[in-house]
Protein backbone atom coordinates (compact mmCIF):
# COMPACT_ATOMS: atom_id res chain seq x y z
CA MET A 1 -8.19 6.79 -15.53
CA PRO A 2 -5.53 6.00 -12.92
CA ALA A 3 -6.26 5.09 -9.31
CA TYR A 4 -4.07 5.29 -6.26
CA TRP A 5 -3.49 2.82 -3.44
CA VAL A 6 -2.52 4.90 -0.42
CA ALA A 7 -1.33 3.20 2.74
CA ARG A 8 0.00 4.31 6.07
CA SER A 9 1.64 1.80 8.32
CA LYS A 10 3.33 1.19 11.61
CA ILE A 11 5.91 -1.60 11.70
CA ASN A 12 5.85 -3.62 14.93
CA ASP A 13 8.16 -6.48 13.90
CA PRO A 14 10.62 -5.52 11.13
CA VAL A 15 11.74 -9.11 10.45
CA GLU A 16 8.21 -10.42 9.87
CA TYR A 17 7.15 -7.24 8.05
CA LYS A 18 10.03 -7.70 5.60
CA LYS A 19 8.57 -11.09 4.61
CA TYR A 20 5.56 -9.09 3.43
CA THR A 21 7.47 -6.27 1.72
CA ASP A 22 9.77 -8.70 -0.11
CA ARG A 23 6.78 -10.27 -1.89
CA VAL A 24 4.65 -7.23 -2.67
CA PRO A 25 6.56 -5.52 -5.55
CA ALA A 26 6.08 -8.47 -7.93
CA ILE A 27 2.38 -8.69 -7.04
CA ILE A 28 1.86 -4.98 -7.65
CA ALA A 29 3.64 -5.22 -11.02
CA LYS A 30 1.46 -8.19 -12.03
CA PHE A 31 -1.61 -5.91 -11.71
CA GLY A 32 -0.02 -3.00 -13.59
CA GLY A 33 0.86 -1.00 -10.48
CA LYS A 34 3.75 1.42 -10.15
CA VAL A 35 5.10 2.50 -6.77
CA LEU A 36 5.27 6.30 -6.66
CA ALA A 37 6.38 6.64 -3.03
CA ARG A 38 7.40 4.10 -0.40
CA GLY A 39 9.01 4.90 2.91
CA GLY A 40 11.34 7.84 2.77
CA ARG A 41 11.09 11.27 4.25
CA TYR A 42 7.70 12.51 5.44
CA GLN A 43 6.12 15.19 7.59
CA ILE A 44 2.76 14.69 9.24
CA MET A 45 0.85 17.86 8.52
CA GLU A 46 -2.31 16.96 10.44
CA GLY A 47 -3.60 13.93 12.26
CA PRO A 48 -2.24 11.33 14.65
CA ASP A 49 1.45 10.47 14.85
CA LYS A 50 0.82 6.71 14.79
CA PHE A 51 2.02 5.77 11.34
CA HIS A 52 5.63 6.09 10.21
CA ARG A 53 5.68 4.52 6.75
CA PHE A 54 3.68 5.78 3.81
CA VAL A 55 3.11 4.21 0.40
CA VAL A 56 1.48 5.51 -2.79
CA ILE A 57 0.98 3.13 -5.72
CA GLU A 58 -0.56 4.08 -9.05
CA PHE A 59 -2.68 1.58 -10.99
CA PRO A 60 -4.02 2.07 -14.52
CA THR A 61 -7.59 1.66 -13.22
CA PHE A 62 -9.45 1.53 -9.93
CA GLU A 63 -10.50 -2.04 -10.73
CA GLN A 64 -6.89 -3.20 -11.20
CA GLY A 65 -5.92 -1.71 -7.85
CA VAL A 66 -8.79 -3.41 -6.05
CA ALA A 67 -8.04 -6.69 -7.86
CA CYS A 68 -4.45 -6.50 -6.64
CA PHE A 69 -5.44 -5.87 -3.03
CA THR A 70 -8.04 -8.66 -3.04
CA SER A 71 -5.87 -11.16 -4.93
CA LYS A 72 -4.82 -14.47 -3.44
CA GLU A 73 -1.15 -13.55 -3.91
CA TYR A 74 -1.48 -10.27 -2.03
CA ASN A 75 -3.48 -11.80 0.80
CA GLU A 76 -0.87 -14.54 1.23
CA ALA A 77 1.87 -11.89 1.49
CA ALA A 78 -0.23 -9.66 3.75
CA ALA A 79 -0.71 -12.55 6.19
CA PHE A 80 2.83 -11.86 7.47
CA ARG A 81 1.89 -8.25 8.21
CA ARG A 82 -1.58 -9.04 9.50
CA SER A 83 -0.21 -11.49 12.06
CA GLY A 84 0.87 -8.50 14.16
CA ALA A 85 4.04 -7.46 12.35
CA GLY A 86 2.41 -4.21 11.32
CA GLU A 87 -0.67 -2.05 11.47
CA VAL A 88 -1.91 -0.57 8.20
CA GLU A 89 -4.67 1.65 6.87
CA THR A 90 -5.16 1.35 3.12
CA ILE A 91 -7.45 3.14 0.71
CA MET A 92 -7.93 3.01 -3.04
CA VAL A 93 -8.86 6.33 -4.57
CA ASP A 94 -9.87 7.02 -8.16
CA GLY A 95 -7.74 9.67 -9.88
CA GLY A 96 -11.00 11.31 -10.88
CA ASP A 97 -11.33 14.79 -12.22
CA ALA A 98 -8.87 17.00 -10.34
CA THR A 99 -10.72 20.13 -11.44
CA ARG A 100 -13.73 19.36 -9.21
């Protein structure tokens, strides 16, 4: 059953943030992830207007998504973002049964 990594972010320092985003696609692919949406057009339907970049990544399983996020490779890349280059909220959600 697929799972989805959903992130919303605010970029504070585009140069440093790019050091993060340049590394992430290969890491996601290593864990079987596929980017479904990244950046692009959006409309906030409800909630705060803090975040201006949105990402949705599909993984084959919840466990693979969590393993990607907690991997050494991802944490090394995320260090660029976590140093103040960006603010992010990330969740992993199981695809589950959509009929519930």
